[in-house]
Amino acid sequence: MPRLTDSRVQSLPSGEYTDPVAKDLQICIREARGRRVHSWLLPYKWQGAPVRIKRGDKTLSLALRLRTRSLRGNR
């Protein structure tokens, strides 16, 4: 998948997409009350069970990508 830019995110249909820049980061796009809602999701395991942290809207993209990369050891 190409890099997730603002214009690319706006053109995607509802669903969950993995960010190619920060591979462990996902964006969730959905319709709610007649408008599109974007949320970042950070999947990880807690006590062996898969969990996802929801982190705000798409405007957090750059800061969250950098933070995710540092949390995951710059993979």
N, C-alpha and C. Protein backbone atom coordinates (compact mmCIF):
# COMPACT_ATOMS: atom_id res chain seq x y z
N MET A 1 0.84 -1.17 0.00
CA MET A 1 0.00 0.00 0.00
C MET A 1 0.89 1.24 0.00
N PRO A 2 0.53 2.26 -0.79
CA PRO A 2 1.30 3.51 -0.80
C PRO A 2 1.24 4.22 0.55
N ARG A 3 2.17 5.12 0.75
CA ARG A 3 2.24 5.93 1.97
C ARG A 3 0.89 6.57 2.29
N LEU A 4 0.53 6.61 3.57
CA LEU A 4 -0.75 7.20 3.98
C LEU A 4 -0.62 8.71 4.15
N THR A 5 -0.92 9.43 3.09
CA THR A 5 -0.94 10.88 3.15
C THR A 5 -2.37 11.32 3.46
N ASP A 6 -2.56 12.59 3.78
CA ASP A 6 -3.90 13.09 4.09
C ASP A 6 -4.85 12.86 2.92
N SER A 7 -4.42 13.16 1.70
CA SER A 7 -5.30 12.97 0.54
C SER A 7 -5.59 11.49 0.29
N ARG A 8 -4.61 10.64 0.54
CA ARG A 8 -4.82 9.19 0.38
C ARG A 8 -5.84 8.67 1.40
N VAL A 9 -5.72 9.10 2.65
CA VAL A 9 -6.66 8.69 3.69
C VAL A 9 -8.07 9.15 3.35
N GLN A 10 -8.21 10.36 2.83
CA GLN A 10 -9.52 10.89 2.46
C GLN A 10 -10.18 10.06 1.36
N SER A 11 -9.38 9.44 0.51
CA SER A 11 -9.93 8.69 -0.63
C SER A 11 -10.20 7.21 -0.31
N LEU A 12 -9.72 6.72 0.83
CA LEU A 12 -9.90 5.31 1.17
C LEU A 12 -11.33 5.03 1.67
N PRO A 13 -11.87 3.86 1.34
CA PRO A 13 -13.18 3.48 1.88
C PRO A 13 -13.05 3.09 3.37
N SER A 14 -14.17 2.97 4.04
CA SER A 14 -14.16 2.56 5.45
C SER A 14 -13.41 1.24 5.60
N GLY A 15 -12.64 1.12 6.69
CA GLY A 15 -11.88 -0.09 6.95
C GLY A 15 -10.68 0.21 7.81
N GLU A 16 -9.81 -0.78 8.00
CA GLU A 16 -8.58 -0.62 8.77
C GLU A 16 -7.39 -0.84 7.85
N TYR A 17 -6.41 0.04 7.95
CA TYR A 17 -5.24 -0.01 7.07
C TYR A 17 -3.97 0.11 7.89
N THR A 18 -2.94 -0.63 7.51
CA THR A 18 -1.65 -0.58 8.18
C THR A 18 -0.82 0.53 7.54
N ASP A 19 -0.19 1.33 8.38
CA ASP A 19 0.65 2.43 7.92
C ASP A 19 1.99 1.86 7.44
N PRO A 20 2.38 2.08 6.18
CA PRO A 20 3.64 1.53 5.69
C PRO A 20 4.88 2.19 6.32
N VAL A 21 4.72 3.38 6.90
CA VAL A 21 5.85 4.06 7.54
C VAL A 21 6.13 3.46 8.91
N ALA A 22 5.09 3.24 9.70
CA ALA A 22 5.19 2.63 11.03
C ALA A 22 4.37 1.34 10.98
N LYS A 23 4.98 0.25 10.64
CA LYS A 23 4.27 -0.99 10.33
C LYS A 23 3.35 -1.49 11.45
N ASP A 24 3.63 -1.12 12.68
CA ASP A 24 2.78 -1.57 13.78
C ASP A 24 1.61 -0.63 14.05
N LEU A 25 1.42 0.37 13.23
CA LEU A 25 0.37 1.36 13.42
C LEU A 25 -0.72 1.17 12.37
N GLN A 26 -1.97 1.25 12.79
CA GLN A 26 -3.09 1.10 11.87
C GLN A 26 -3.99 2.34 11.95
N ILE A 27 -4.67 2.65 10.85
CA ILE A 27 -5.67 3.70 10.86
C ILE A 27 -7.02 3.05 10.58
N CYS A 28 -8.00 3.44 11.37
CA CYS A 28 -9.36 2.94 11.22
C CYS A 28 -10.21 4.07 10.66
N ILE A 29 -10.87 3.81 9.55
CA ILE A 29 -11.73 4.80 8.90
C ILE A 29 -13.15 4.26 8.95
N ARG A 30 -14.08 5.06 9.48
CA ARG A 30 -15.48 4.61 9.54
C ARG A 30 -16.41 5.81 9.40
N GLU A 31 -17.65 5.50 9.13
CA GLU A 31 -18.69 6.52 9.03
C GLU A 31 -19.43 6.58 10.37
N ALA A 32 -19.63 7.78 10.89
CA ALA A 32 -20.37 7.95 12.14
C ALA A 32 -21.17 9.24 12.06
N ARG A 33 -22.47 9.10 12.19
CA ARG A 33 -23.39 10.26 12.16
C ARG A 33 -23.19 11.13 10.92
N GLY A 34 -23.05 10.48 9.80
CA GLY A 34 -22.94 11.19 8.53
C GLY A 34 -21.59 11.80 8.23
N ARG A 35 -20.57 11.48 8.99
CA ARG A 35 -19.24 12.00 8.68
C ARG A 35 -18.20 10.90 8.85
N ARG A 36 -17.04 11.12 8.24
CA ARG A 36 -15.96 10.13 8.32
C ARG A 36 -15.15 10.37 9.59
N VAL A 37 -14.83 9.28 10.29
CA VAL A 37 -14.03 9.37 11.50
C VAL A 37 -12.76 8.55 11.29
N HIS A 38 -11.62 9.14 11.64
CA HIS A 38 -10.32 8.48 11.49
C HIS A 38 -9.71 8.32 12.87
N SER A 39 -9.25 7.14 13.20
CA SER A 39 -8.58 6.88 14.47
C SER A 39 -7.34 6.03 14.23
N TRP A 40 -6.28 6.31 14.98
CA TRP A 40 -5.07 5.51 14.91
C TRP A 40 -5.17 4.40 15.94
N LEU A 41 -4.72 3.21 15.58
CA LEU A 41 -4.74 2.05 16.47
C LEU A 41 -3.32 1.50 16.60
N LEU A 42 -2.92 1.21 17.83
CA LEU A 42 -1.61 0.62 18.07
C LEU A 42 -1.82 -0.77 18.65
N PRO A 43 -1.66 -1.82 17.82
CA PRO A 43 -1.85 -3.19 18.32
C PRO A 43 -0.62 -3.69 19.10
N TYR A 44 -0.87 -4.45 20.14
CA TYR A 44 0.20 -5.09 20.89
C TYR A 44 -0.39 -6.26 21.67
N LYS A 45 0.42 -6.96 22.42
CA LYS A 45 -0.07 -8.08 23.23
C LYS A 45 0.06 -7.73 24.71
N TRP A 46 -0.98 -8.02 25.47
CA TRP A 46 -0.98 -7.82 26.91
C TRP A 46 -1.32 -9.15 27.56
N GLN A 47 -0.37 -9.69 28.30
CA GLN A 47 -0.52 -10.98 28.94
C GLN A 47 -0.93 -12.06 27.93
N GLY A 48 -0.33 -11.99 26.75
CA GLY A 48 -0.56 -12.97 25.71
C GLY A 48 -1.77 -12.76 24.83
N ALA A 49 -2.62 -11.80 25.19
CA ALA A 49 -3.83 -11.55 24.41
C ALA A 49 -3.66 -10.30 23.54
N PRO A 50 -4.15 -10.34 22.28
CA PRO A 50 -4.04 -9.16 21.42
C PRO A 50 -4.94 -8.03 21.92
N VAL A 51 -4.37 -6.81 21.94
CA VAL A 51 -5.07 -5.61 22.39
C VAL A 51 -4.71 -4.48 21.43
N ARG A 52 -5.57 -3.47 21.33
CA ARG A 52 -5.24 -2.29 20.50
C ARG A 52 -5.56 -1.03 21.30
N ILE A 53 -4.63 -0.10 21.28
CA ILE A 53 -4.84 1.20 21.90
C ILE A 53 -5.34 2.14 20.82
N LYS A 54 -6.42 2.85 21.06
CA LYS A 54 -6.93 3.85 20.13
C LYS A 54 -6.30 5.18 20.49
N ARG A 55 -5.70 5.85 19.50
CA ARG A 55 -4.98 7.08 19.73
C ARG A 55 -5.48 8.21 18.84
N GLY A 56 -6.52 8.90 19.25
CA GLY A 56 -6.95 10.12 18.61
C GLY A 56 -7.30 10.03 17.14
N ASP A 57 -7.29 11.18 16.49
CA ASP A 57 -7.67 11.24 15.08
C ASP A 57 -6.44 11.36 14.19
N LYS A 58 -6.67 11.48 12.89
CA LYS A 58 -5.57 11.44 11.93
C LYS A 58 -4.62 12.62 12.04
N THR A 59 -5.01 13.71 12.73
CA THR A 59 -4.11 14.86 12.86
C THR A 59 -2.90 14.55 13.72
N LEU A 60 -2.93 13.46 14.46
CA LEU A 60 -1.78 13.07 15.28
C LEU A 60 -0.75 12.28 14.50
N SER A 61 -0.93 12.16 13.21
CA SER A 61 -0.16 11.21 12.42
C SER A 61 1.35 11.29 12.58
N LEU A 62 1.97 12.43 12.36
CA LEU A 62 3.43 12.48 12.39
C LEU A 62 3.97 12.20 13.79
N ALA A 63 3.44 12.85 14.80
CA ALA A 63 3.92 12.63 16.16
C ALA A 63 3.71 11.18 16.58
N LEU A 64 2.57 10.63 16.25
CA LEU A 64 2.27 9.25 16.64
C LEU A 64 3.16 8.26 15.89
N ARG A 65 3.41 8.50 14.62
CA ARG A 65 4.31 7.62 13.87
C ARG A 65 5.69 7.60 14.49
N LEU A 66 6.20 8.78 14.84
CA LEU A 66 7.53 8.86 15.44
C LEU A 66 7.55 8.18 16.80
N ARG A 67 6.52 8.39 17.59
CA ARG A 67 6.44 7.76 18.91
C ARG A 67 6.34 6.24 18.78
N THR A 68 5.56 5.78 17.84
CA THR A 68 5.40 4.35 17.62
C THR A 68 6.73 3.73 17.23
N ARG A 69 7.45 4.39 16.36
CA ARG A 69 8.74 3.85 15.94
C ARG A 69 9.70 3.76 17.12
N SER A 70 9.68 4.75 18.02
CA SER A 70 10.57 4.69 19.16
C SER A 70 10.13 3.60 20.15
N LEU A 71 8.82 3.41 20.32
CA LEU A 71 8.32 2.37 21.22
C LEU A 71 8.66 0.98 20.69
N ARG A 72 8.64 0.80 19.37
CA ARG A 72 8.90 -0.50 18.77
C ARG A 72 10.36 -0.73 18.45
N GLY A 73 11.23 0.18 18.87
CA GLY A 73 12.65 -0.03 18.65
C GLY A 73 13.10 0.30 17.24
N ASN A 74 12.45 1.30 16.58
CA ASN A 74 12.83 1.79 15.25
C ASN A 74 12.86 0.72 14.18
N ARG A 75 11.89 -0.19 14.22
CA ARG A 75 11.82 -1.24 13.19
C ARG A 75 11.38 -0.66 11.88
